[in-house]
Protein backbone atom coordinates (compact mmCIF):
# COMPACT_ATOMS: atom_id res chain seq x y z
CA MET A 1 73.87 117.17 -33.77
CA THR A 2 70.08 116.86 -33.90
CA SER A 3 67.77 119.87 -34.11
CA GLU A 4 66.68 119.34 -30.49
CA GLU A 5 70.30 119.22 -29.29
CA SER A 6 71.08 122.26 -31.39
CA SER A 7 68.13 124.12 -29.83
CA LYS A 8 69.25 123.25 -26.31
CA HIS A 9 72.80 124.29 -27.14
CA GLU A 10 71.52 127.61 -28.48
CA GLU A 11 69.44 128.19 -25.33
CA PHE A 12 72.48 127.42 -23.17
CA ARG A 13 74.59 129.82 -25.22
CA GLN A 14 71.95 132.54 -24.89
CA GLY A 15 71.82 131.99 -21.12
CA MET A 16 75.61 132.17 -20.82
CA ARG A 17 75.56 135.68 -22.30
CA PHE A 18 73.91 136.93 -19.10
CA LEU A 19 76.09 134.91 -16.70
CA PRO A 20 79.11 137.29 -16.41
CA MET A 21 76.85 140.25 -15.70
CA ALA A 22 74.85 138.25 -13.16
CA ILE A 23 78.03 137.15 -11.34
CA PHE A 24 79.37 140.70 -11.36
CA VAL A 25 76.15 142.13 -9.91
CA PHE A 26 76.00 139.37 -7.29
CA LEU A 27 79.58 140.02 -6.14
CA ILE A 28 79.03 143.78 -5.95
CA LEU A 29 75.89 143.20 -3.92
CA LEU A 30 77.70 140.76 -1.64
CA LEU A 31 80.57 143.16 -1.02
CA PHE A 32 78.15 146.02 -0.38
CA LEU A 33 76.06 144.08 2.11
CA GLY A 34 79.13 142.62 3.78
CA GLY A 35 80.68 146.06 4.17
CA MET A 36 77.45 147.50 5.51
CA ALA A 37 77.16 144.64 8.02
CA ALA A 38 80.73 145.14 9.26
CA PHE A 39 80.29 148.88 9.57
CA LEU A 40 76.98 148.59 11.41
CA TYR A 41 78.39 145.96 13.77
CA TRP A 42 81.40 148.10 14.65
CA ALA A 43 79.36 151.31 15.05
CA PHE A 44 76.54 149.97 17.19
CA ALA A 45 78.74 147.64 19.23
CA GLU A 46 81.05 150.51 20.21
CA VAL A 47 78.12 152.71 21.21
CA SER A 48 76.07 150.17 23.16
CA GLY A 49 78.77 147.80 24.36
CA VAL A 50 76.43 144.86 23.65
CA ARG A 51 77.98 142.90 20.89
CA ASN A 52 75.76 139.75 20.61
CA VAL A 53 72.55 141.66 19.89
CA TRP A 54 74.22 143.85 17.34
CA LEU A 55 75.85 140.83 15.82
CA LEU A 56 72.39 139.49 15.12
CA VAL A 57 71.17 142.84 13.84
CA CYS A 58 74.15 143.36 11.62
CA GLY A 59 73.82 139.86 10.26
CA ALA A 60 70.42 140.84 8.90
CA PRO A 61 71.91 142.08 5.55
CA PHE A 62 73.07 138.55 4.86
CA VAL A 63 69.55 137.30 5.52
CA VAL A 64 68.35 139.92 3.09
CA LEU A 65 70.96 138.69 0.63
CA VAL A 66 69.67 135.13 0.83
CA GLY A 67 66.10 136.32 0.50
CA GLY A 68 67.13 138.51 -2.41
CA PHE A 69 68.72 135.51 -4.07
CA PHE A 70 65.44 133.61 -3.99
CA VAL A 71 63.56 136.68 -5.21
CA VAL A 72 65.98 137.10 -8.10
CA TYR A 73 65.73 133.41 -8.96
CA ASN A 74 61.94 133.63 -8.96
CA LEU A 75 62.01 136.74 -11.14
CA TYR A 76 64.41 135.03 -13.52
CA SER A 77 62.12 132.01 -13.77
CA ARG A 78 59.14 134.25 -14.53
CA PHE A 79 60.84 136.82 -16.75
CA GLY A 80 64.40 135.86 -17.63
CA SER A 81 63.77 132.34 -18.89
CA PRO A 82 60.90 133.27 -21.25
CA LEU A 83 62.92 136.21 -22.56
CA ARG A 84 65.93 133.98 -23.13
CA GLN A 85 63.79 131.50 -25.07
CA MET A 86 62.26 134.38 -27.04
CA PHE A 87 65.69 135.76 -27.94
CA ALA A 88 66.85 132.31 -29.04
CA ALA A 89 63.75 131.89 -31.23
CA ILE A 90 64.23 135.35 -32.78
CA ASP A 91 67.83 134.50 -33.62
CA SER A 92 66.69 131.24 -35.22
CA VAL A 93 64.07 133.05 -37.32
CA ALA A 94 66.71 135.58 -38.39
CA LYS A 95 68.83 132.66 -39.63
CA GLY A 96 65.91 131.34 -41.69
CA ASP A 97 64.59 128.61 -39.39
CA LEU A 98 60.81 129.11 -39.50
CA THR A 99 60.05 125.84 -37.72
CA VAL A 100 61.16 127.20 -34.34
CA ARG A 101 58.51 127.77 -31.68
CA VAL A 102 58.74 129.20 -28.16
CA PRO A 103 57.36 126.80 -25.50
CA GLU A 104 53.95 127.85 -24.27
CA ASP A 105 53.95 129.89 -21.06
CA SER A 106 50.93 130.32 -18.79
CA SER A 107 52.20 133.48 -17.12
CA PRO A 108 50.09 136.60 -17.71
CA GLN A 109 53.23 138.56 -18.58
CA PHE A 110 54.44 136.42 -21.50
CA GLY A 111 51.69 133.93 -22.34
CA GLU A 112 49.96 136.14 -24.89
CA LEU A 113 53.26 137.45 -26.29
CA ILE A 114 54.58 133.93 -26.88
CA LYS A 115 51.28 132.86 -28.43
CA ARG A 116 51.32 135.76 -30.88
CA PHE A 117 54.98 135.21 -31.69
CA ASN A 118 54.35 131.55 -32.49
CA ASN A 119 51.34 132.51 -34.63
CA MET A 120 53.48 135.04 -36.50
CA VAL A 121 56.22 132.52 -37.19
CA GLY A 122 53.59 129.99 -38.26
CA ASP A 123 52.20 132.50 -40.77
CA LEU A 124 55.70 133.18 -42.06
CA GLU A 125 56.30 129.46 -42.44
CA ARG A 126 53.06 129.00 -44.39
CA SER A 127 53.87 132.01 -46.59
CA ASP A 128 57.31 130.62 -47.31
CA GLN A 129 55.83 127.24 -48.20
CA GLN A 130 53.26 128.91 -50.48
CA ARG A 131 56.06 130.80 -52.18
CA ARG A 132 57.94 127.56 -52.78
CA ASN A 133 54.78 125.89 -54.06
CA LEU A 134 54.08 128.86 -56.32
CA THR A 135 57.52 128.59 -57.91
CA ALA A 136 56.99 124.87 -58.52
CA ASP A 137 53.47 125.44 -59.88
CA ILE A 138 54.62 128.15 -62.29
CA ALA A 139 57.41 125.91 -63.55
CA HIS A 140 54.90 123.09 -64.06
CA GLU A 141 52.37 125.29 -65.87
CA LEU A 142 55.04 126.71 -68.19
CA ARG A 143 56.70 123.37 -68.84
CA THR A 144 53.64 121.66 -70.35
CA PRO A 145 52.89 124.08 -73.22
CA LEU A 146 56.60 124.56 -73.88
CA HIS A 147 57.03 120.81 -74.30
CA VAL A 148 54.08 120.70 -76.69
CA ILE A 149 55.46 123.58 -78.76
CA GLN A 150 58.94 122.06 -78.78
CA GLY A 151 57.59 118.66 -79.76
CA LYS A 152 55.48 120.06 -82.60
CA LEU A 153 58.31 122.16 -84.03
CA GLU A 154 60.88 119.37 -83.76
CA GLY A 155 58.41 116.97 -85.33
CA MET A 156 57.86 119.28 -88.30
CA LEU A 157 61.61 119.87 -88.70
CA ASP A 158 62.30 116.11 -88.61
CA GLY A 159 59.47 115.36 -91.02
CA VAL A 160 57.42 113.47 -88.42
CA TYR A 161 54.62 116.04 -88.74
CA PRO A 162 53.91 117.73 -92.04
CA ALA A 163 54.08 121.53 -91.88
CA GLU A 164 50.34 121.83 -92.23
CA PRO A 165 48.07 124.52 -90.72
CA LYS A 166 46.66 122.00 -88.22
CA HIS A 167 50.00 121.38 -86.50
CA ILE A 168 50.96 125.02 -86.72
CA ASP A 169 47.63 125.96 -85.13
CA ASP A 170 48.28 123.51 -82.31
CA ALA A 171 51.61 125.21 -81.55
CA LEU A 172 49.95 128.62 -81.84
CA GLU A 173 47.28 127.66 -79.30
CA GLU A 174 49.99 126.69 -76.84
CA THR A 175 51.70 130.06 -77.30
CA LYS A 176 48.34 131.74 -76.61
CA LEU A 177 48.05 129.66 -73.44
CA LEU A 178 51.51 130.80 -72.37
CA THR A 179 50.58 134.43 -73.08
CA ARG A 180 47.38 134.09 -71.05
CA LEU A 181 49.26 132.49 -68.16
CA VAL A 182 51.89 135.24 -68.12
CA ASN A 183 49.20 137.91 -68.26
CA ASP A 184 47.32 136.24 -65.40
CA LEU A 185 50.47 136.11 -63.31
CA GLN A 186 51.11 139.78 -63.95
CA THR A 187 47.52 140.69 -63.06
CA ILE A 188 47.50 138.80 -59.78
CA SER A 189 50.96 140.10 -58.86
CA LEU A 190 49.89 143.72 -59.41
CA ALA A 191 46.61 143.16 -57.56
CA GLU A 192 48.29 141.59 -54.53
CA SER A 193 50.78 144.45 -54.31
CA GLY A 194 48.01 147.04 -54.62
CA GLN A 195 49.44 148.41 -57.88
CA LEU A 196 46.77 147.20 -60.28
CA PRO A 197 45.28 150.27 -62.01
CA LEU A 198 41.48 150.42 -62.03
CA HIS A 199 39.79 152.48 -64.74
CA SER A 200 36.60 153.28 -62.93
CA SER A 201 33.44 154.63 -64.54
CA ARG A 202 29.79 154.88 -63.63
CA PHE A 203 27.49 152.51 -65.52
CA PRO A 204 24.17 150.68 -65.15
CA LEU A 205 24.67 147.33 -63.46
CA VAL A 206 22.14 145.71 -65.78
CA ASP A 207 24.44 146.44 -68.76
CA LEU A 208 27.25 144.45 -67.18
CA ILE A 209 24.97 141.51 -66.37
CA ASN A 210 23.50 141.46 -69.88
CA ASP A 211 26.94 141.59 -71.49
CA VAL A 212 28.11 138.58 -69.49
CA LYS A 213 24.93 136.69 -70.34
CA GLU A 214 25.24 137.41 -74.06
CA SER A 215 28.88 136.30 -74.05
CA PHE A 216 28.10 132.87 -72.59
CA ALA A 217 24.56 132.26 -73.85
CA PRO A 218 25.69 130.31 -76.97
CA GLN A 219 28.04 128.09 -74.95
CA ALA A 220 25.42 127.46 -72.28
CA SER A 221 22.77 126.69 -74.88
CA SER A 222 25.02 124.22 -76.71
CA ASN A 223 25.61 122.41 -73.40
CA GLY A 224 21.89 122.27 -72.62
CA ILE A 225 22.21 124.70 -69.67
CA ASN A 226 19.66 127.37 -68.83
CA LEU A 227 21.50 130.68 -68.27
CA ARG A 228 19.26 133.34 -66.77
CA THR A 229 19.57 136.70 -65.04
CA THR A 230 17.63 138.46 -62.29
CA VAL A 231 18.26 142.18 -61.77
CA SER A 232 16.27 143.64 -58.87
CA ASP A 233 16.75 147.26 -59.92
CA THR A 234 17.35 147.92 -63.62
CA ASN A 235 18.12 151.59 -62.90
CA ARG A 236 20.86 150.91 -60.36
CA GLU A 237 24.27 152.30 -61.27
CA ILE A 238 27.67 151.53 -59.74
CA SER A 239 31.14 153.04 -60.01
CA ALA A 240 33.72 150.40 -60.82
CA ASP A 241 36.12 149.12 -63.46
CA TYR A 242 33.71 147.67 -66.02
CA VAL A 243 36.32 145.48 -67.72
CA ARG A 244 37.66 144.01 -64.49
CA LEU A 245 34.21 143.20 -63.10
CA ASN A 246 33.32 141.65 -66.44
CA GLN A 247 36.46 139.52 -66.09
CA VAL A 248 35.41 138.38 -62.62
CA LEU A 249 31.86 137.43 -63.64
CA SER A 250 33.05 135.80 -66.87
CA ASN A 251 35.40 133.59 -64.91
CA LEU A 252 32.65 132.54 -62.49
CA VAL A 253 30.14 131.84 -65.26
CA SER A 254 32.75 129.94 -67.29
CA ASN A 255 33.50 127.71 -64.30
CA ALA A 256 29.79 127.22 -63.68
CA ILE A 257 29.25 126.05 -67.27
CA ARG A 258 32.22 123.72 -67.00
CA TYR A 259 30.82 121.93 -63.96
CA THR A 260 27.09 122.02 -64.68
CA SER A 261 25.58 119.06 -66.47
CA LYS A 262 23.07 119.15 -69.29
CA GLY A 263 19.66 120.23 -68.04
CA GLY A 264 21.11 122.29 -65.22
CA SER A 265 20.83 126.02 -64.70
CA ILE A 266 23.04 129.03 -63.97
CA SER A 267 21.72 132.34 -62.69
CA LEU A 268 23.20 135.80 -62.29
CA GLU A 269 21.36 137.81 -59.67
CA THR A 270 21.83 141.34 -58.36
CA GLU A 271 20.33 143.13 -55.41
CA ALA A 272 20.93 146.07 -53.09
CA THR A 273 21.63 145.09 -49.50
CA GLY A 274 20.34 146.93 -46.47
CA ASN A 275 23.67 148.71 -45.89
CA GLY A 276 23.72 150.18 -49.37
CA LYS A 277 26.10 147.62 -50.85
CA THR A 278 25.58 145.92 -54.20
CA ARG A 279 25.39 142.14 -54.17
CA ILE A 280 26.02 140.02 -57.26
CA THR A 281 25.39 136.29 -57.05
CA VAL A 282 26.45 133.60 -59.52
CA LYS A 283 24.61 130.37 -58.74
CA ASP A 284 24.66 127.01 -60.51
CA THR A 285 23.23 123.52 -60.08
CA GLY A 286 26.51 121.81 -60.90
CA VAL A 287 28.58 119.13 -59.22
CA GLY A 288 29.48 121.35 -56.27
CA ILE A 289 32.73 121.60 -54.36
CA PRO A 290 33.75 119.23 -51.55
CA ALA A 291 33.71 120.86 -48.13
CA THR A 292 37.39 119.98 -47.66
CA ASP A 293 38.29 121.99 -50.77
CA LEU A 294 36.28 125.14 -50.03
CA PRO A 295 38.98 126.87 -47.92
CA PHE A 296 41.49 126.58 -50.79
CA ILE A 297 39.60 127.40 -53.99
CA PHE A 298 40.86 131.00 -54.05
CA ASP A 299 44.48 129.91 -53.72
CA ARG A 300 46.75 130.36 -56.70
CA PHE A 301 47.03 127.29 -58.96
CA TRP A 302 44.50 125.38 -56.88
CA ARG A 303 42.52 122.89 -58.92
CA GLY A 304 40.30 120.04 -57.80
CA GLU A 305 40.68 116.55 -59.21
CA LYS A 306 37.64 116.97 -61.45
CA SER A 307 39.22 120.05 -62.95
CA ARG A 308 42.43 118.23 -63.67
CA SER A 309 40.72 115.31 -65.30
CA ARG A 310 38.29 117.29 -67.41
CA ASP A 311 40.42 120.20 -68.59
CA GLY A 312 43.95 118.89 -68.63
CA HIS A 313 46.40 121.76 -68.56
CA ALA A 314 44.01 124.22 -70.22
CA ASN A 315 42.84 125.50 -66.85
CA SER A 316 45.70 127.41 -65.24
CA GLY A 317 44.12 127.50 -61.79
CA LEU A 318 44.53 131.28 -61.49
CA GLY A 319 41.00 132.37 -62.38
CA LEU A 320 39.45 132.34 -58.91
CA ALA A 321 42.57 133.80 -57.31
CA ILE A 322 42.43 136.69 -59.80
CA ALA A 323 38.68 137.10 -59.23
CA ARG A 324 39.22 137.50 -55.49
CA GLN A 325 42.04 140.00 -55.97
CA LEU A 326 40.00 142.07 -58.44
CA VAL A 327 37.01 142.16 -56.10
CA GLN A 328 39.23 143.16 -53.19
CA ALA A 329 40.80 145.86 -55.36
CA HIS A 330 37.27 147.31 -55.56
CA LYS A 331 37.14 147.20 -51.73
CA GLY A 332 34.58 144.41 -52.00
CA THR A 333 34.31 140.82 -50.80
CA ILE A 334 33.71 137.48 -52.47
CA GLU A 335 32.70 134.24 -50.78
CA VAL A 336 31.57 130.81 -51.86
CA GLN A 337 28.88 128.45 -50.65
CA SER A 338 28.66 124.96 -52.08
CA ILE A 339 27.11 121.57 -51.46
CA GLU A 340 28.62 118.65 -53.30
CA GLY A 341 26.14 117.23 -55.80
CA VAL A 342 23.74 120.19 -55.36
CA GLY A 343 25.50 123.28 -56.65
CA THR A 344 27.71 126.27 -55.94
CA LYS A 345 27.02 129.93 -55.23
CA PHE A 346 29.53 132.79 -55.40
CA ILE A 347 28.49 135.99 -53.64
CA ILE A 348 30.16 139.30 -54.47
CA GLU A 349 29.50 142.41 -52.41
CA LEU A 350 30.67 145.82 -53.62
CA PRO A 351 30.77 148.78 -51.24
CA ALA A 352 28.25 151.58 -51.32
CA GLN A 353 31.10 154.10 -51.45
CA PRO A 354 32.43 154.02 -55.02
CA ILE A 355 36.11 153.61 -55.72
CA PRO A 356 37.84 156.78 -56.94
CA ILE A 357 37.38 157.52 -60.63
């Protein structure tokens, strides 16, 4: 049986659940109206002695019955049928079928309800697919370093590789990669569930910017990249988790260095917005991000083709997803603007109201 036939069968089964009650109500109504008609005919005919007129009058309940039938049918078409389809769709979702959709209805009573239901099921379907993709991505990311470690150790045991520090260091680097990946997964999991602890303190924003610059200045200089900072107010202080914000900015600057060619520039800029928020901008003159990729760069394990080709498996694809979660944990926002071949700009806005310390 095809899915379409199965759906029709399910709709028919749902409709049959209401059939006995409908027949029972119809028969009760028929008996009631028939009894009323007989009683009225007998009563009025005996009093007036004119039977033909009262026959017409007393036949009126049957006319009402016919009219009521059409009214009930119309009400069922407008209310019963959409509800039946909705019940069938709910049962299908309960059984795990997230591909089901309720046919669109233009009626003011159910049109918006059906639209929102379909949107909800669509979101559930996308979430389920993302969960499946996440499981596959985690397995892939773990498999690569594990294979390298296994290959190195087996090679040294079999005498293929001498047990020298170089080969041991290679295996050690892969274990560090595994540790970093597991830690990243734990961080993003806690952040998404709202359980990531933030150790907030009040500090000058310029200190954070200077620390990030000093951390990456040697790497930028060796790549021929000009790394500069612009702080609009050197006395401005914010309340936030210093370590977590440093992690966010470090990730953005690291990515900027990775995709900025020699002779390019990277800038960290801060300013106070009109609504009292603090804005931090990380801007580069790198290769940029294709417009088709922009909606997905904050997704877990997302990596563009350039990233795959240039970094191999060293880039886990969790950095930007973690950055977004950490910024949101501070009740802030992060967005990206990019033009391919021109550069990329990440804009972070932190609220004026500090997070609790």
